Amino acid sequence: EGTRYAPPMLASGVFGGVHTQEWAYDRVDADGKRFG
């Protein structure tokens, strides 16, 4: 959904090589909490 952590389709994007895992882990929500 990407509603708490943008962008949407985040984990399938890492699986498909669109995003790096490190970049995905560093996404933060509105409260500053990291995805990882």
PDB file of all heavy atoms in Angstrom:
ATOM      1  N   GLU A   1       0.805  -1.215   0.000  1.00  0.00           N
ATOM      2  CA  GLU A   1       0.000   0.000   0.000  1.00  0.00           C
ATOM      3  C   GLU A   1       0.845   1.276   0.000  1.00  0.00           C
ATOM      4  O   GLU A   1       0.466   2.282  -0.609  1.00  0.00           O
ATOM      5  CB  GLU A   1      -0.955   0.011   1.196  1.00  0.00           C
ATOM      6  CG  GLU A   1      -2.062  -1.032   1.122  1.00  0.00           C
ATOM      7  CD  GLU A   1      -3.069  -0.758   0.024  1.00  0.00           C
ATOM      8  OE1 GLU A   1      -2.943   0.267  -0.675  1.00  0.00           O
ATOM      9  OE2 GLU A   1      -3.981  -1.582  -0.158  1.00  0.00           O
ATOM     10  N   GLY A   2       1.956   1.274   0.722  1.00  0.00           N
ATOM     11  CA  GLY A   2       2.791   2.462   0.737  1.00  0.00           C
ATOM     12  C   GLY A   2       2.226   3.611   1.548  1.00  0.00           C
ATOM     13  O   GLY A   2       2.711   4.738   1.454  1.00  0.00           O
ATOM     14  N   THR A   3       1.206   3.333   2.353  1.00  0.00           N
ATOM     15  CA  THR A   3       0.580   4.421   3.104  1.00  0.00           C
ATOM     16  C   THR A   3       1.392   4.816   4.337  1.00  0.00           C
ATOM     17  O   THR A   3       1.492   5.985   4.675  1.00  0.00           O
ATOM     18  CB  THR A   3      -0.858   4.039   3.509  1.00  0.00           C
ATOM     19  OG1 THR A   3      -1.470   5.135   4.172  1.00  0.00           O
ATOM     20  CG2 THR A   3      -0.884   2.833   4.439  1.00  0.00           C
ATOM     21  N   ARG A   4       2.000   3.832   5.007  1.00  0.00           N
ATOM     22  CA  ARG A   4       2.853   4.152   6.154  1.00  0.00           C
ATOM     23  C   ARG A   4       4.285   4.427   5.697  1.00  0.00           C
ATOM     24  O   ARG A   4       4.944   5.328   6.214  1.00  0.00           O
ATOM     25  CB  ARG A   4       2.818   3.001   7.157  1.00  0.00           C
ATOM     26  CG  ARG A   4       3.592   3.297   8.427  1.00  0.00           C
ATOM     27  CD  ARG A   4       3.564   2.162   9.435  1.00  0.00           C
ATOM     28  NE  ARG A   4       4.383   2.499  10.593  1.00  0.00           N
ATOM     29  CZ  ARG A   4       4.831   1.624  11.483  1.00  0.00           C
ATOM     30  NH1 ARG A   4       4.519   0.339  11.365  1.00  0.00           N
ATOM     31  NH2 ARG A   4       5.574   2.022  12.493  1.00  0.00           N
ATOM     32  N   TYR A   5       4.760   3.621   4.757  1.00  0.00           N
ATOM     33  CA  TYR A   5       6.112   3.795   4.211  1.00  0.00           C
ATOM     34  C   TYR A   5       6.023   3.930   2.702  1.00  0.00           C
ATOM     35  O   TYR A   5       5.619   2.995   2.008  1.00  0.00           O
ATOM     36  CB  TYR A   5       6.997   2.596   4.573  1.00  0.00           C
ATOM     37  CG  TYR A   5       7.303   2.477   6.042  1.00  0.00           C
ATOM     38  CD1 TYR A   5       6.619   1.565   6.841  1.00  0.00           C
ATOM     39  CD2 TYR A   5       8.263   3.286   6.642  1.00  0.00           C
ATOM     40  CE1 TYR A   5       6.889   1.454   8.190  1.00  0.00           C
ATOM     41  CE2 TYR A   5       8.540   3.182   7.994  1.00  0.00           C
ATOM     42  CZ  TYR A   5       7.850   2.271   8.766  1.00  0.00           C
ATOM     43  OH  TYR A   5       8.110   2.171  10.107  1.00  0.00           O
ATOM     44  N   ALA A   6       6.361   5.103   2.195  1.00  0.00           N
ATOM     45  CA  ALA A   6       6.400   5.309   0.750  1.00  0.00           C
ATOM     46  C   ALA A   6       7.738   4.804   0.208  1.00  0.00           C
ATOM     47  O   ALA A   6       8.755   4.880   0.894  1.00  0.00           O
ATOM     48  CB  ALA A   6       6.218   6.787   0.428  1.00  0.00           C
ATOM     49  N   PRO A   7       7.769   4.281  -1.017  1.00  0.00           N
ATOM     50  CA  PRO A   7       6.673   4.189  -1.968  1.00  0.00           C
ATOM     51  C   PRO A   7       5.879   2.891  -1.811  1.00  0.00           C
ATOM     52  O   PRO A   7       6.295   1.998  -1.063  1.00  0.00           O
ATOM     53  CB  PRO A   7       7.417   4.183  -3.309  1.00  0.00           C
ATOM     54  CG  PRO A   7       8.685   3.437  -3.005  1.00  0.00           C
ATOM     55  CD  PRO A   7       9.050   3.859  -1.613  1.00  0.00           C
ATOM     56  N   PRO A   8       4.745   2.789  -2.526  1.00  0.00           N
ATOM     57  CA  PRO A   8       4.016   1.518  -2.530  1.00  0.00           C
ATOM     58  C   PRO A   8       4.804   0.428  -3.244  1.00  0.00           C
ATOM     59  O   PRO A   8       5.804   0.702  -3.912  1.00  0.00           O
ATOM     60  CB  PRO A   8       2.725   1.854  -3.285  1.00  0.00           C
ATOM     61  CG  PRO A   8       3.060   3.053  -4.102  1.00  0.00           C
ATOM     62  CD  PRO A   8       4.102   3.818  -3.334  1.00  0.00           C
ATOM     63  N   MET A   9       4.333  -0.812  -3.075  1.00  0.00           N
ATOM     64  CA  MET A   9       4.991  -2.002  -3.653  1.00  0.00           C
ATOM     65  C   MET A   9       6.474  -2.039  -3.290  1.00  0.00           C
ATOM     66  O   MET A   9       7.321  -2.365  -4.104  1.00  0.00           O
ATOM     67  CB  MET A   9       4.816  -2.033  -5.174  1.00  0.00           C
ATOM     68  CG  MET A   9       3.381  -2.051  -5.642  1.00  0.00           C
ATOM     69  SD  MET A   9       2.930  -0.547  -6.492  1.00  0.00           S
ATOM     70  CE  MET A   9       3.855  -0.714  -7.991  1.00  0.00           C
ATOM     71  N   LEU A  10       6.758  -1.710  -2.039  1.00  0.00           N
ATOM     72  CA  LEU A  10       8.156  -1.535  -1.622  1.00  0.00           C
ATOM     73  C   LEU A  10       8.927  -2.848  -1.638  1.00  0.00           C
ATOM     74  O   LEU A  10      10.020  -2.937  -2.212  1.00  0.00           O
ATOM     75  CB  LEU A  10       8.203  -0.909  -0.228  1.00  0.00           C
ATOM     76  CG  LEU A  10       9.602  -0.609   0.323  1.00  0.00           C
ATOM     77  CD1 LEU A  10      10.295   0.448  -0.527  1.00  0.00           C
ATOM     78  CD2 LEU A  10       9.518  -0.141   1.780  1.00  0.00           C
ATOM     79  N   ALA A  11       8.383  -3.882  -0.991  1.00  0.00           N
ATOM     80  CA  ALA A  11       9.138  -5.131  -0.860  1.00  0.00           C
ATOM     81  C   ALA A  11       9.206  -5.898  -2.175  1.00  0.00           C
ATOM     82  O   ALA A  11      10.240  -6.497  -2.491  1.00  0.00           O
ATOM     83  CB  ALA A  11       8.526  -6.004   0.233  1.00  0.00           C
ATOM     84  N   SER A  12       8.129  -5.886  -2.954  1.00  0.00           N
ATOM     85  CA  SER A  12       8.209  -6.520  -4.271  1.00  0.00           C
ATOM     86  C   SER A  12       9.168  -5.755  -5.171  1.00  0.00           C
ATOM     87  O   SER A  12       9.805  -6.329  -6.054  1.00  0.00           O
ATOM     88  CB  SER A  12       6.822  -6.628  -4.915  1.00  0.00           C
ATOM     89  OG  SER A  12       6.227  -5.353  -5.074  1.00  0.00           O
ATOM     90  N   GLY A  13       9.289  -4.426  -4.930  1.00  0.00           N
ATOM     91  CA  GLY A  13      10.263  -3.635  -5.683  1.00  0.00           C
ATOM     92  C   GLY A  13      11.691  -4.023  -5.359  1.00  0.00           C
ATOM     93  O   GLY A  13      12.550  -4.054  -6.246  1.00  0.00           O
ATOM     94  N   VAL A  14      11.968  -4.330  -4.088  1.00  0.00           N
ATOM     95  CA  VAL A  14      13.298  -4.826  -3.722  1.00  0.00           C
ATOM     96  C   VAL A  14      13.526  -6.190  -4.349  1.00  0.00           C
ATOM     97  O   VAL A  14      14.598  -6.471  -4.910  1.00  0.00           O
ATOM     98  CB  VAL A  14      13.459  -4.885  -2.186  1.00  0.00           C
ATOM     99  CG1 VAL A  14      14.799  -5.520  -1.818  1.00  0.00           C
ATOM    100  CG2 VAL A  14      13.363  -3.485  -1.584  1.00  0.00           C
ATOM    101  N   PHE A  15      12.517  -7.063  -4.280  1.00  0.00           N
ATOM    102  CA  PHE A  15      12.622  -8.397  -4.877  1.00  0.00           C
ATOM    103  C   PHE A  15      12.915  -8.293  -6.379  1.00  0.00           C
ATOM    104  O   PHE A  15      13.733  -9.051  -6.920  1.00  0.00           O
ATOM    105  CB  PHE A  15      11.321  -9.177  -4.647  1.00  0.00           C
ATOM    106  CG  PHE A  15      11.388 -10.626  -5.025  1.00  0.00           C
ATOM    107  CD1 PHE A  15      11.596 -11.599  -4.054  1.00  0.00           C
ATOM    108  CD2 PHE A  15      11.234 -11.045  -6.342  1.00  0.00           C
ATOM    109  CE1 PHE A  15      11.658 -12.943  -4.388  1.00  0.00           C
ATOM    110  CE2 PHE A  15      11.298 -12.385  -6.688  1.00  0.00           C
ATOM    111  CZ  PHE A  15      11.510 -13.333  -5.706  1.00  0.00           C
ATOM    112  N   GLY A  16      12.264  -7.340  -7.044  1.00  0.00           N
ATOM    113  CA  GLY A  16      12.424  -7.185  -8.484  1.00  0.00           C
ATOM    114  C   GLY A  16      13.619  -6.351  -8.896  1.00  0.00           C
ATOM    115  O   GLY A  16      13.813  -6.102 -10.089  1.00  0.00           O
ATOM    116  N   GLY A  17      14.421  -5.898  -7.914  1.00  0.00           N
ATOM    117  CA  GLY A  17      15.621  -5.139  -8.236  1.00  0.00           C
ATOM    118  C   GLY A  17      15.388  -3.672  -8.533  1.00  0.00           C
ATOM    119  O   GLY A  17      16.295  -2.974  -9.005  1.00  0.00           O
ATOM    120  N   VAL A  18      14.190  -3.177  -8.235  1.00  0.00           N
ATOM    121  CA  VAL A  18      13.875  -1.769  -8.483  1.00  0.00           C
ATOM    122  C   VAL A  18      14.465  -0.884  -7.394  1.00  0.00           C
ATOM    123  O   VAL A  18      14.918   0.234  -7.659  1.00  0.00           O
ATOM    124  CB  VAL A  18      12.347  -1.578  -8.560  1.00  0.00           C
ATOM    125  CG1 VAL A  18      11.996  -0.116  -8.814  1.00  0.00           C
ATOM    126  CG2 VAL A  18      11.748  -2.469  -9.646  1.00  0.00           C
ATOM    127  N   HIS A  19      14.438  -1.362  -6.138  1.00  0.00           N
ATOM    128  CA  HIS A  19      14.992  -0.638  -4.997  1.00  0.00           C
ATOM    129  C   HIS A  19      16.058  -1.499  -4.331  1.00  0.00           C
ATOM    130  O   HIS A  19      16.018  -2.731  -4.426  1.00  0.00           O
ATOM    131  CB  HIS A  19      13.918  -0.328  -3.950  1.00  0.00           C
ATOM    132  CG  HIS A  19      12.645   0.234  -4.495  1.00  0.00           C
ATOM    133  ND1 HIS A  19      12.601   1.393  -5.234  1.00  0.00           N
ATOM    134  CD2 HIS A  19      11.349  -0.204  -4.402  1.00  0.00           C
ATOM    135  CE1 HIS A  19      11.350   1.647  -5.568  1.00  0.00           C
ATOM    136  NE2 HIS A  19      10.582   0.696  -5.088  1.00  0.00           N
ATOM    137  N   THR A  20      16.964  -0.846  -3.615  1.00  0.00           N
ATOM    138  CA  THR A  20      17.905  -1.609  -2.801  1.00  0.00           C
ATOM    139  C   THR A  20      17.290  -1.867  -1.427  1.00  0.00           C
ATOM    140  O   THR A  20      16.445  -1.097  -0.944  1.00  0.00           O
ATOM    141  CB  THR A  20      19.236  -0.862  -2.605  1.00  0.00           C
ATOM    142  OG1 THR A  20      19.013   0.311  -1.815  1.00  0.00           O
ATOM    143  CG2 THR A  20      19.836  -0.475  -3.954  1.00  0.00           C
ATOM    144  N   GLN A  21      17.719  -2.936  -0.802  1.00  0.00           N
ATOM    145  CA  GLN A  21      17.201  -3.268   0.523  1.00  0.00           C
ATOM    146  C   GLN A  21      17.586  -2.201   1.541  1.00  0.00           C
ATOM    147  O   GLN A  21      16.785  -1.840   2.417  1.00  0.00           O
ATOM    148  CB  GLN A  21      17.732  -4.636   0.956  1.00  0.00           C
ATOM    149  CG  GLN A  21      17.184  -5.120   2.291  1.00  0.00           C
ATOM    150  CD  GLN A  21      17.578  -6.559   2.561  1.00  0.00           C
ATOM    151  OE1 GLN A  21      17.407  -7.432   1.717  1.00  0.00           O
ATOM    152  NE2 GLN A  21      18.110  -6.809   3.743  1.00  0.00           N
ATOM    153  N   GLU A  22      18.799  -1.684   1.437  1.00  0.00           N
ATOM    154  CA  GLU A  22      19.256  -0.669   2.383  1.00  0.00           C
ATOM    155  C   GLU A  22      18.391   0.580   2.281  1.00  0.00           C
ATOM    156  O   GLU A  22      18.015   1.186   3.303  1.00  0.00           O
ATOM    157  CB  GLU A  22      20.719  -0.316   2.119  1.00  0.00           C
ATOM    158  CG  GLU A  22      21.706  -1.438   2.403  1.00  0.00           C
ATOM    159  CD  GLU A  22      21.674  -2.556   1.352  1.00  0.00           C
ATOM    160  OE1 GLU A  22      21.142  -2.300   0.226  1.00  0.00           O
ATOM    161  OE2 GLU A  22      22.156  -3.656   1.641  1.00  0.00           O
ATOM    162  N   TRP A  23      18.086   0.991   1.069  1.00  0.00           N
ATOM    163  CA  TRP A  23      17.223   2.164   0.866  1.00  0.00           C
ATOM    164  C   TRP A  23      15.839   1.915   1.452  1.00  0.00           C
ATOM    165  O   TRP A  23      15.260   2.794   2.116  1.00  0.00           O
ATOM    166  CB  TRP A  23      17.132   2.467  -0.627  1.00  0.00           C
ATOM    167  CG  TRP A  23      16.306   3.680  -0.965  1.00  0.00           C
ATOM    168  CD1 TRP A  23      16.719   4.976  -0.971  1.00  0.00           C
ATOM    169  CD2 TRP A  23      14.928   3.686  -1.361  1.00  0.00           C
ATOM    170  NE1 TRP A  23      15.676   5.805  -1.346  1.00  0.00           N
ATOM    171  CE2 TRP A  23      14.572   5.042  -1.593  1.00  0.00           C
ATOM    172  CE3 TRP A  23      13.963   2.687  -1.556  1.00  0.00           C
ATOM    173  CZ2 TRP A  23      13.290   5.413  -1.999  1.00  0.00           C
ATOM    174  CZ3 TRP A  23      12.684   3.060  -1.947  1.00  0.00           C
ATOM    175  CH2 TRP A  23      12.354   4.410  -2.167  1.00  0.00           C
ATOM    176  N   ALA A  24      15.300   0.713   1.217  1.00  0.00           N
ATOM    177  CA  ALA A  24      13.977   0.379   1.744  1.00  0.00           C
ATOM    178  C   ALA A  24      13.975   0.409   3.267  1.00  0.00           C
ATOM    179  O   ALA A  24      13.042   0.933   3.892  1.00  0.00           O
ATOM    180  CB  ALA A  24      13.545  -0.991   1.236  1.00  0.00           C
ATOM    181  N   TYR A  25      15.010  -0.150   3.878  1.00  0.00           N
ATOM    182  CA  TYR A  25      15.100  -0.173   5.340  1.00  0.00           C
ATOM    183  C   TYR A  25      15.116   1.236   5.934  1.00  0.00           C
ATOM    184  O   TYR A  25      14.668   1.450   7.063  1.00  0.00           O
ATOM    185  CB  TYR A  25      16.363  -0.910   5.781  1.00  0.00           C
ATOM    186  CG  TYR A  25      16.233  -2.411   5.888  1.00  0.00           C
ATOM    187  CD1 TYR A  25      15.123  -3.094   5.402  1.00  0.00           C
ATOM    188  CD2 TYR A  25      17.241  -3.165   6.489  1.00  0.00           C
ATOM    189  CE1 TYR A  25      15.009  -4.466   5.507  1.00  0.00           C
ATOM    190  CE2 TYR A  25      17.145  -4.542   6.606  1.00  0.00           C
ATOM    191  CZ  TYR A  25      16.031  -5.194   6.110  1.00  0.00           C
ATOM    192  OH  TYR A  25      15.927  -6.554   6.227  1.00  0.00           O
ATOM    193  N   ASP A  26      15.640   2.195   5.191  1.00  0.00           N
ATOM    194  CA  ASP A  26      15.777   3.560   5.703  1.00  0.00           C
ATOM    195  C   ASP A  26      14.533   4.418   5.502  1.00  0.00           C
ATOM    196  O   ASP A  26      14.522   5.587   5.900  1.00  0.00           O
ATOM    197  CB  ASP A  26      16.977   4.255   5.042  1.00  0.00           C
ATOM    198  CG  ASP A  26      18.302   3.794   5.619  1.00  0.00           C
ATOM    199  OD1 ASP A  26      18.309   3.291   6.757  1.00  0.00           O
ATOM    200  OD2 ASP A  26      19.331   3.927   4.919  1.00  0.00           O
ATOM    201  N   ARG A  27      13.470   3.859   4.891  1.00  0.00           N
ATOM    202  CA  ARG A  27      12.230   4.629   4.783  1.00  0.00           C
ATOM    203  C   ARG A  27      11.677   4.866   6.191  1.00  0.00           C
ATOM    204  O   ARG A  27      11.758   3.984   7.056  1.00  0.00           O
ATOM    205  CB  ARG A  27      11.173   3.887   3.965  1.00  0.00           C
ATOM    206  CG  ARG A  27      11.513   3.543   2.507  1.00  0.00           C
ATOM    207  CD  ARG A  27      11.934   4.737   1.697  1.00  0.00           C
ATOM    208  NE  ARG A  27      13.401   4.897   1.756  1.00  0.00           N
ATOM    209  CZ  ARG A  27      14.043   6.025   1.532  1.00  0.00           C
ATOM    210  NH1 ARG A  27      13.369   7.125   1.272  1.00  0.00           N
ATOM    211  NH2 ARG A  27      15.353   6.088   1.603  1.00  0.00           N
ATOM    212  N   VAL A  28      11.125   6.051   6.417  1.00  0.00           N
ATOM    213  CA  VAL A  28      10.588   6.376   7.739  1.00  0.00           C
ATOM    214  C   VAL A  28       9.111   6.745   7.622  1.00  0.00           C
ATOM    215  O   VAL A  28       8.659   7.254   6.581  1.00  0.00           O
ATOM    216  CB  VAL A  28      11.363   7.525   8.418  1.00  0.00           C
ATOM    217  CG1 VAL A  28      12.789   7.109   8.712  1.00  0.00           C
ATOM    218  CG2 VAL A  28      11.330   8.788   7.560  1.00  0.00           C
ATOM    219  N   ASP A  29       8.361   6.454   8.709  1.00  0.00           N
ATOM    220  CA  ASP A  29       6.950   6.817   8.720  1.00  0.00           C
ATOM    221  C   ASP A  29       6.774   8.208   9.321  1.00  0.00           C
ATOM    222  O   ASP A  29       7.759   8.914   9.602  1.00  0.00           O
ATOM    223  CB  ASP A  29       6.124   5.764   9.459  1.00  0.00           C
ATOM    224  CG  ASP A  29       6.425   5.689  10.949  1.00  0.00           C
ATOM    225  OD1 ASP A  29       7.190   6.529  11.464  1.00  0.00           O
ATOM    226  OD2 ASP A  29       5.883   4.776  11.610  1.00  0.00           O
ATOM    227  N   ALA A  30       5.540   8.623   9.528  1.00  0.00           N
ATOM    228  CA  ALA A  30       5.261   9.974  10.016  1.00  0.00           C
ATOM    229  C   ALA A  30       5.816  10.209  11.415  1.00  0.00           C
ATOM    230  O   ALA A  30       6.037  11.351  11.814  1.00  0.00           O
ATOM    231  CB  ALA A  30       3.752  10.222  10.006  1.00  0.00           C
ATOM    232  N   ASP A  31       6.056   9.125  12.147  1.00  0.00           N
ATOM    233  CA  ASP A  31       6.618   9.240  13.497  1.00  0.00           C
ATOM    234  C   ASP A  31       8.126   9.065  13.520  1.00  0.00           C
ATOM    235  O   ASP A  31       8.737   8.992  14.597  1.00  0.00           O
ATOM    236  CB  ASP A  31       5.975   8.201  14.426  1.00  0.00           C
ATOM    237  CG  ASP A  31       4.491   8.442  14.615  1.00  0.00           C
ATOM    238  OD1 ASP A  31       4.087   9.617  14.683  1.00  0.00           O
ATOM    239  OD2 ASP A  31       3.726   7.452  14.674  1.00  0.00           O
ATOM    240  N   GLY A  32       8.741   8.972  12.346  1.00  0.00           N
ATOM    241  CA  GLY A  32      10.187   8.840  12.269  1.00  0.00           C
ATOM    242  C   GLY A  32      10.706   7.428  12.484  1.00  0.00           C
ATOM    243  O   GLY A  32      11.919   7.231  12.629  1.00  0.00           O
ATOM    244  N   LYS A  33       9.819   6.429  12.472  1.00  0.00           N
ATOM    245  CA  LYS A  33      10.249   5.044  12.699  1.00  0.00           C
ATOM    246  C   LYS A  33      10.691   4.406  11.386  1.00  0.00           C
ATOM    247  O   LYS A  33       9.971   4.459  10.388  1.00  0.00           O
ATOM    248  CB  LYS A  33       9.100   4.240  13.314  1.00  0.00           C
ATOM    249  CG  LYS A  33       8.695   4.735  14.691  1.00  0.00           C
ATOM    250  CD  LYS A  33       7.507   3.952  15.243  1.00  0.00           C
ATOM    251  CE  LYS A  33       7.115   4.452  16.626  1.00  0.00           C
ATOM    252  NZ  LYS A  33       5.923   3.748  17.159  1.00  0.00           N
ATOM    253  N   ARG A  34      11.887   3.806  11.409  1.00  0.00           N
ATOM    254  CA  ARG A  34      12.454   3.187  10.206  1.00  0.00           C
ATOM    255  C   ARG A  34      11.741   1.888   9.854  1.00  0.00           C
ATOM    256  O   ARG A  34      11.358   1.102  10.732  1.00  0.00           O
ATOM    257  CB  ARG A  34      13.944   2.888  10.384  1.00  0.00           C
ATOM    258  CG  ARG A  34      14.851   4.088  10.447  1.00  0.00           C
ATOM    259  CD  ARG A  34      16.298   3.655  10.685  1.00  0.00           C
ATOM    260  NE  ARG A  34      16.864   2.932   9.551  1.00  0.00           N
ATOM    261  CZ  ARG A  34      17.126   1.619   9.553  1.00  0.00           C
ATOM    262  NH1 ARG A  34      16.846   0.863  10.607  1.00  0.00           N
ATOM    263  NH2 ARG A  34      17.677   1.059   8.490  1.00  0.00           N
ATOM    264  N   PHE A  35      11.598   1.655   8.560  1.00  0.00           N
ATOM    265  CA  PHE A  35      11.017   0.411   8.076  1.00  0.00           C
ATOM    266  C   PHE A  35      11.781  -0.793   8.619  1.00  0.00           C
ATOM    267  O   PHE A  35      11.186  -1.743   9.138  1.00  0.00           O
ATOM    268  CB  PHE A  35      11.037   0.407   6.543  1.00  0.00           C
ATOM    269  CG  PHE A  35      10.497  -0.847   5.919  1.00  0.00           C
ATOM    270  CD1 PHE A  35       9.180  -0.909   5.484  1.00  0.00           C
ATOM    271  CD2 PHE A  35      11.292  -1.979   5.749  1.00  0.00           C
ATOM    272  CE1 PHE A  35       8.674  -2.068   4.905  1.00  0.00           C
ATOM    273  CE2 PHE A  35      10.795  -3.133   5.182  1.00  0.00           C
ATOM    274  CZ  PHE A  35       9.484  -3.176   4.761  1.00  0.00           C
ATOM    275  N   GLY A  36      13.120  -0.760   8.498  1.00  0.00           N
ATOM    276  CA  GLY A  36      13.930  -1.893   8.941  1.00  0.00           C
ATOM    277  C   GLY A  36      13.762  -2.189  10.417  1.00  0.00           C
ATOM    278  O   GLY A  36      13.702  -3.356  10.833  1.00  0.00           O
TER     279      GLY A  36
END
